[in-house]
Amino acid sequence: MWIAVNRPFAMGAMVHAGADKREAFGFILERSFQGVILTGTTSREHLKENWRAFEEARG
């Protein structure tokens, strides 16, 4: 079964509340699954931020 994790930051609410994107990605990556993580983004800069946070969460 493939799993799609869509908008892991509660449509931005977690980030605005001070959550660390790396922690959110890390929480997801700690689970054993095959699938994708879909993050909402409104700009190229947000995409770059999410990519950096994902890479850092991967270690």
C-alpha atoms as a PDB file:
ATOM      1  CA  MET A   1       0.000   0.000   0.000  1.00  0.00           C
ATOM      2  CA  TRP A   2       1.285   3.432  -0.901  1.00  0.00           C
ATOM      3  CA  ILE A   3       0.521   6.325   1.398  1.00  0.00           C
ATOM      4  CA  ALA A   4       0.311   9.987   0.451  1.00  0.00           C
ATOM      5  CA  VAL A   5       0.902  12.349   3.371  1.00  0.00           C
ATOM      6  CA  ASN A   6      -0.729  15.578   2.222  1.00  0.00           C
ATOM      7  CA  ARG A   7       0.142  18.888   3.834  1.00  0.00           C
ATOM      8  CA  PRO A   8       1.946  17.573   6.919  1.00  0.00           C
ATOM      9  CA  PHE A   9       2.022  21.056   8.457  1.00  0.00           C
ATOM     10  CA  ALA A  10      -1.777  21.456   8.839  1.00  0.00           C
ATOM     11  CA  MET A  11      -1.969  23.885   5.917  1.00  0.00           C
ATOM     12  CA  GLY A  12       0.749  26.029   7.509  1.00  0.00           C
ATOM     13  CA  ALA A  13      -0.824  26.274  10.961  1.00  0.00           C
ATOM     14  CA  MET A  14       1.922  24.206  12.611  1.00  0.00           C
ATOM     15  CA  VAL A  15       4.677  26.345  11.116  1.00  0.00           C
ATOM     16  CA  HIS A  16       2.933  29.593  12.089  1.00  0.00           C
ATOM     17  CA  ALA A  17       2.610  28.187  15.622  1.00  0.00           C
ATOM     18  CA  GLY A  18       6.382  27.641  15.731  1.00  0.00           C
ATOM     19  CA  ALA A  19       6.712  23.975  14.755  1.00  0.00           C
ATOM     20  CA  ASP A  20       9.980  22.926  13.167  1.00  0.00           C
ATOM     21  CA  LYS A  21       9.480  21.497   9.668  1.00  0.00           C
ATOM     22  CA  ARG A  22      12.366  19.109  10.228  1.00  0.00           C
ATOM     23  CA  GLU A  23      10.538  17.608  13.205  1.00  0.00           C
ATOM     24  CA  ALA A  24       7.355  17.120  11.173  1.00  0.00           C
ATOM     25  CA  PHE A  25       9.269  15.443   8.338  1.00  0.00           C
ATOM     26  CA  GLY A  26      11.267  13.407  10.858  1.00  0.00           C
ATOM     27  CA  PHE A  27       8.084  12.147  12.515  1.00  0.00           C
ATOM     28  CA  ILE A  28       6.773  10.949   9.158  1.00  0.00           C
ATOM     29  CA  LEU A  29      10.083   9.418   8.082  1.00  0.00           C
ATOM     30  CA  GLU A  30      10.361   7.438  11.334  1.00  0.00           C
ATOM     31  CA  ARG A  31       7.334   5.407  10.204  1.00  0.00           C
ATOM     32  CA  SER A  32       7.886   2.539   7.860  1.00  0.00           C
ATOM     33  CA  PHE A  33       5.871   3.249   4.738  1.00  0.00           C
ATOM     34  CA  GLN A  34       6.176   3.528   1.009  1.00  0.00           C
ATOM     35  CA  GLY A  35       4.630   6.633  -0.368  1.00  0.00           C
ATOM     36  CA  VAL A  36       5.000  10.340  -0.846  1.00  0.00           C
ATOM     37  CA  ILE A  37       4.867  13.449   1.286  1.00  0.00           C
ATOM     38  CA  LEU A  38       2.983  16.276  -0.441  1.00  0.00           C
ATOM     39  CA  THR A  39       3.636  19.701   1.007  1.00  0.00           C
ATOM     40  CA  GLY A  40       1.630  22.717   0.030  1.00  0.00           C
ATOM     41  CA  THR A  41       3.722  25.601  -1.205  1.00  0.00           C
ATOM     42  CA  THR A  42       2.893  29.033  -2.487  1.00  0.00           C
ATOM     43  CA  SER A  43       6.267  30.079  -3.818  1.00  0.00           C
ATOM     44  CA  ARG A  44       9.604  28.832  -5.052  1.00  0.00           C
ATOM     45  CA  GLU A  45      11.139  29.896  -1.737  1.00  0.00           C
ATOM     46  CA  HIS A  46       8.645  27.756   0.226  1.00  0.00           C
ATOM     47  CA  LEU A  47       9.526  24.792  -1.975  1.00  0.00           C
ATOM     48  CA  LYS A  48      13.232  25.326  -1.300  1.00  0.00           C
ATOM     49  CA  GLU A  49      12.552  25.641   2.458  1.00  0.00           C
ATOM     50  CA  ASN A  50      10.579  22.409   2.479  1.00  0.00           C
ATOM     51  CA  TRP A  51      13.241  20.592   0.482  1.00  0.00           C
ATOM     52  CA  ARG A  52      16.012  21.742   2.852  1.00  0.00           C
ATOM     53  CA  ALA A  53      13.969  20.728   5.913  1.00  0.00           C
ATOM     54  CA  PHE A  54      13.239  17.323   4.375  1.00  0.00           C
ATOM     55  CA  GLU A  55      16.912  16.717   3.589  1.00  0.00           C
ATOM     56  CA  GLU A  56      17.908  17.710   7.128  1.00  0.00           C
ATOM     57  CA  ALA A  57      15.239  15.401   8.595  1.00  0.00           C
ATOM     58  CA  ARG A  58      16.610  12.519   6.547  1.00  0.00           C
ATOM     59  CA  GLY A  59      19.984  13.095   8.180  1.00  0.00           C
END
